[in-house]
Amino acid sequence: MHKQIFVNLPVKDLSRSKAFFSHLGYSFNPQFTDDKAACLILGENSYAMLLVREMFATFTNRPVCDAHECTEMLVALSCNSREHVDELVAKALAQGATPSGEPQDHGFMYDHGFYDLDGHGWGVFYMTQETPSA
């Protein structure tokens, strides 16, 4: 199994992205943060590297897409409660994010989400200890 995960995301304005995620209550690892990259701490051993587009482009030989125009990936984060899901989405929307749809209640799971300032999709969800019936 893997010890850590680092999701790399291209951003247009690193300072603005850092401010956005700081307002959501996240912090950054200064060891991996400079003027071209910021290591967003999502949880224990879970990180998102926010990379200026030019730096991000050095990690791939494919074109870097504009996440406002197409979906490159969706990041899903678990929360401790339905209230935490709603709180996180509300904070994101207040900071300029756009909703990715309406909240969904599946009984065993509650989810909602948003697109951040660069168009990256973030799903946040809460799952009960129950498993869905087959």
C-alpha atoms as a PDB file:
ATOM      1  CA  MET A   1       0.000   0.000   0.000  1.00  0.00           C
ATOM      2  CA  HIS A   2       0.964   3.612  -0.404  1.00  0.00           C
ATOM      3  CA  LYS A   3       2.180   5.730   2.497  1.00  0.00           C
ATOM      4  CA  GLN A   4       1.146   9.105   1.061  1.00  0.00           C
ATOM      5  CA  ILE A   5      -0.760  10.661  -1.815  1.00  0.00           C
ATOM      6  CA  PHE A   6       0.145  13.897  -3.572  1.00  0.00           C
ATOM      7  CA  VAL A   7      -2.385  15.116  -6.138  1.00  0.00           C
ATOM      8  CA  ASN A   8      -0.853  17.696  -8.499  1.00  0.00           C
ATOM      9  CA  LEU A   9      -3.126  20.493  -9.715  1.00  0.00           C
ATOM     10  CA  PRO A  10      -2.293  23.388 -12.038  1.00  0.00           C
ATOM     11  CA  VAL A  11      -3.339  26.847 -10.815  1.00  0.00           C
ATOM     12  CA  LYS A  12      -3.402  30.213 -12.538  1.00  0.00           C
ATOM     13  CA  ASP A  13      -2.724  32.396  -9.486  1.00  0.00           C
ATOM     14  CA  LEU A  14      -0.931  30.594  -6.649  1.00  0.00           C
ATOM     15  CA  SER A  15      -1.455  33.357  -4.066  1.00  0.00           C
ATOM     16  CA  ARG A  16      -5.188  33.456  -4.787  1.00  0.00           C
ATOM     17  CA  SER A  17      -5.455  29.660  -4.581  1.00  0.00           C
ATOM     18  CA  LYS A  18      -3.578  29.591  -1.277  1.00  0.00           C
ATOM     19  CA  ALA A  19      -5.900  32.253   0.138  1.00  0.00           C
ATOM     20  CA  PHE A  20      -8.950  30.303  -1.070  1.00  0.00           C
ATOM     21  CA  PHE A  21      -7.913  27.062   0.636  1.00  0.00           C
ATOM     22  CA  SER A  22      -6.727  28.900   3.758  1.00  0.00           C
ATOM     23  CA  HIS A  23     -10.234  30.359   4.110  1.00  0.00           C
ATOM     24  CA  LEU A  24     -11.592  26.807   3.982  1.00  0.00           C
ATOM     25  CA  GLY A  25      -9.451  25.966   7.009  1.00  0.00           C
ATOM     26  CA  TYR A  26      -6.580  24.169   5.288  1.00  0.00           C
ATOM     27  CA  SER A  27      -2.886  24.832   5.856  1.00  0.00           C
ATOM     28  CA  PHE A  28       0.271  24.370   3.816  1.00  0.00           C
ATOM     29  CA  ASN A  29       3.526  22.546   4.415  1.00  0.00           C
ATOM     30  CA  PRO A  30       6.172  25.290   4.148  1.00  0.00           C
ATOM     31  CA  GLN A  31       8.855  22.705   3.328  1.00  0.00           C
ATOM     32  CA  PHE A  32       7.204  22.163  -0.083  1.00  0.00           C
ATOM     33  CA  THR A  33       5.849  25.652  -0.677  1.00  0.00           C
ATOM     34  CA  ASP A  34       7.466  28.481  -2.620  1.00  0.00           C
ATOM     35  CA  ASP A  35       6.507  30.965  -5.343  1.00  0.00           C
ATOM     36  CA  LYS A  36       5.765  28.169  -7.865  1.00  0.00           C
ATOM     37  CA  ALA A  37       4.164  25.507  -5.677  1.00  0.00           C
ATOM     38  CA  ALA A  38       2.198  25.085  -2.472  1.00  0.00           C
ATOM     39  CA  CYS A  39       1.706  21.832  -0.581  1.00  0.00           C
ATOM     40  CA  LEU A  40      -1.917  21.839   0.598  1.00  0.00           C
ATOM     41  CA  ILE A  41      -2.415  19.542   3.592  1.00  0.00           C
ATOM     42  CA  LEU A  42      -5.688  17.656   3.113  1.00  0.00           C
ATOM     43  CA  GLY A  43      -5.236  15.205   5.969  1.00  0.00           C
ATOM     44  CA  GLU A  44      -2.818  12.745   7.430  1.00  0.00           C
ATOM     45  CA  ASN A  45      -0.575  11.726   4.524  1.00  0.00           C
ATOM     46  CA  SER A  46      -2.888  13.351   1.931  1.00  0.00           C
ATOM     47  CA  TYR A  47      -1.755  16.416   0.013  1.00  0.00           C
ATOM     48  CA  ALA A  48      -2.521  18.465  -3.068  1.00  0.00           C
ATOM     49  CA  MET A  49       0.353  20.223  -4.762  1.00  0.00           C
ATOM     50  CA  LEU A  50      -0.924  23.487  -6.198  1.00  0.00           C
ATOM     51  CA  LEU A  51       1.502  24.224  -9.027  1.00  0.00           C
ATOM     52  CA  VAL A  52       1.638  27.298 -11.247  1.00  0.00           C
ATOM     53  CA  ARG A  53       0.665  26.160 -14.733  1.00  0.00           C
ATOM     54  CA  GLU A  54       4.186  26.576 -16.119  1.00  0.00           C
ATOM     55  CA  MET A  55       5.653  24.354 -13.427  1.00  0.00           C
ATOM     56  CA  PHE A  56       2.847  21.812 -13.731  1.00  0.00           C
ATOM     57  CA  ALA A  57       3.588  21.570 -17.467  1.00  0.00           C
ATOM     58  CA  THR A  58       7.119  20.353 -16.736  1.00  0.00           C
ATOM     59  CA  PHE A  59       5.685  17.120 -15.266  1.00  0.00           C
ATOM     60  CA  THR A  60       3.868  16.034 -18.435  1.00  0.00           C
ATOM     61  CA  ASN A  61       4.349  15.919 -22.186  1.00  0.00           C
ATOM     62  CA  ARG A  62       0.601  16.410 -22.733  1.00  0.00           C
ATOM     63  CA  PRO A  63      -1.165  19.764 -22.963  1.00  0.00           C
ATOM     64  CA  VAL A  64      -2.395  21.179 -19.658  1.00  0.00           C
ATOM     65  CA  CYS A  65      -6.168  21.496 -19.853  1.00  0.00           C
ATOM     66  CA  ASP A  66      -8.276  24.353 -18.602  1.00  0.00           C
ATOM     67  CA  ALA A  67     -10.407  22.760 -15.892  1.00  0.00           C
ATOM     68  CA  HIS A  68     -13.085  25.408 -16.530  1.00  0.00           C
ATOM     69  CA  GLU A  69     -13.582  23.830 -19.970  1.00  0.00           C
ATOM     70  CA  CYS A  70     -13.134  20.106 -19.317  1.00  0.00           C
ATOM     71  CA  THR A  71     -12.948  17.738 -16.390  1.00  0.00           C
ATOM     72  CA  GLU A  72      -9.412  16.580 -15.721  1.00  0.00           C
ATOM     73  CA  MET A  73     -10.177  14.773 -12.485  1.00  0.00           C
ATOM     74  CA  LEU A  74     -12.428  14.897  -9.432  1.00  0.00           C
ATOM     75  CA  VAL A  75     -10.972  14.918  -5.929  1.00  0.00           C
ATOM     76  CA  ALA A  76     -13.228  13.385  -3.260  1.00  0.00           C
ATOM     77  CA  LEU A  77     -12.686  14.152   0.418  1.00  0.00           C
ATOM     78  CA  SER A  78     -14.427  12.415   3.305  1.00  0.00           C
ATOM     79  CA  CYS A  79     -15.908  14.491   6.111  1.00  0.00           C
ATOM     80  CA  ASN A  80     -16.881  13.638   9.688  1.00  0.00           C
ATOM     81  CA  SER A  81     -20.547  14.635   9.326  1.00  0.00           C
ATOM     82  CA  ARG A  82     -23.215  15.960   6.973  1.00  0.00           C
ATOM     83  CA  GLU A  83     -22.815  19.328   8.681  1.00  0.00           C
ATOM     84  CA  HIS A  84     -19.105  19.344   7.869  1.00  0.00           C
ATOM     85  CA  VAL A  85     -19.939  18.656   4.194  1.00  0.00           C
ATOM     86  CA  ASP A  86     -22.381  21.578   4.093  1.00  0.00           C
ATOM     87  CA  GLU A  87     -20.002  23.863   6.002  1.00  0.00           C
ATOM     88  CA  LEU A  88     -17.068  23.173   3.691  1.00  0.00           C
ATOM     89  CA  VAL A  89     -19.133  23.717   0.532  1.00  0.00           C
ATOM     90  CA  ALA A  90     -20.628  26.935   1.957  1.00  0.00           C
ATOM     91  CA  LYS A  91     -17.157  28.274   2.781  1.00  0.00           C
ATOM     92  CA  ALA A  92     -15.912  27.416  -0.696  1.00  0.00           C
ATOM     93  CA  LEU A  93     -18.877  29.123  -2.382  1.00  0.00           C
ATOM     94  CA  ALA A  94     -18.374  32.225  -0.208  1.00  0.00           C
ATOM     95  CA  GLN A  95     -14.769  32.390  -1.481  1.00  0.00           C
ATOM     96  CA  GLY A  96     -15.756  32.298  -5.157  1.00  0.00           C
ATOM     97  CA  ALA A  97     -16.123  28.589  -5.929  1.00  0.00           C
ATOM     98  CA  THR A  98     -19.071  27.378  -7.985  1.00  0.00           C
ATOM     99  CA  PRO A  99     -21.353  24.511  -6.949  1.00  0.00           C
ATOM    100  CA  SER A 100     -20.948  21.224  -8.804  1.00  0.00           C
ATOM    101  CA  GLY A 101     -24.597  20.338  -8.297  1.00  0.00           C
ATOM    102  CA  GLU A 102     -27.136  19.864  -5.556  1.00  0.00           C
ATOM    103  CA  PRO A 103     -26.402  17.917  -2.362  1.00  0.00           C
ATOM    104  CA  GLN A 104     -27.210  14.228  -2.724  1.00  0.00           C
ATOM    105  CA  ASP A 105     -28.512  12.030   0.080  1.00  0.00           C
ATOM    106  CA  HIS A 106     -28.069   8.336  -0.753  1.00  0.00           C
ATOM    107  CA  GLY A 107     -29.019   7.116   2.731  1.00  0.00           C
ATOM    108  CA  PHE A 108     -25.624   5.594   3.550  1.00  0.00           C
ATOM    109  CA  MET A 109     -23.780   8.564   2.001  1.00  0.00           C
ATOM    110  CA  TYR A 110     -24.326  12.308   1.764  1.00  0.00           C
ATOM    111  CA  ASP A 111     -22.316  14.278  -0.760  1.00  0.00           C
ATOM    112  CA  HIS A 112     -21.972  17.704  -2.291  1.00  0.00           C
ATOM    113  CA  GLY A 113     -19.185  19.516  -4.062  1.00  0.00           C
ATOM    114  CA  PHE A 114     -17.736  22.562  -5.737  1.00  0.00           C
ATOM    115  CA  TYR A 115     -15.371  23.711  -8.444  1.00  0.00           C
ATOM    116  CA  ASP A 116     -12.487  25.756  -7.046  1.00  0.00           C
ATOM    117  CA  LEU A 117     -11.156  28.997  -8.526  1.00  0.00           C
ATOM    118  CA  ASP A 118      -9.261  27.063 -11.216  1.00  0.00           C
ATOM    119  CA  GLY A 119     -12.205  24.807 -12.081  1.00  0.00           C
ATOM    120  CA  HIS A 120     -10.960  21.679 -10.282  1.00  0.00           C
ATOM    121  CA  GLY A 121     -13.792  19.508  -9.000  1.00  0.00           C
ATOM    122  CA  TRP A 122     -13.883  18.785  -5.273  1.00  0.00           C
ATOM    123  CA  GLY A 123     -16.475  16.353  -3.940  1.00  0.00           C
ATOM    124  CA  VAL A 124     -17.016  16.217  -0.204  1.00  0.00           C
ATOM    125  CA  PHE A 125     -18.958  13.418   1.377  1.00  0.00           C
ATOM    126  CA  TYR A 126     -19.987  11.789   4.615  1.00  0.00           C
ATOM    127  CA  MET A 127     -20.615   8.055   4.824  1.00  0.00           C
ATOM    128  CA  THR A 128     -22.307   6.307   7.698  1.00  0.00           C
ATOM    129  CA  GLN A 129     -20.839   3.091   9.050  1.00  0.00           C
ATOM    130  CA  GLU A 130     -23.597   1.216   7.250  1.00  0.00           C
ATOM    131  CA  THR A 131     -22.820  -0.298   3.870  1.00  0.00           C
ATOM    132  CA  PRO A 132     -25.311  -0.085   1.031  1.00  0.00           C
ATOM    133  CA  SER A 133     -27.405  -3.198   0.467  1.00  0.00           C
ATOM    134  CA  ALA A 134     -26.761  -5.122  -2.711  1.00  0.00           C
END
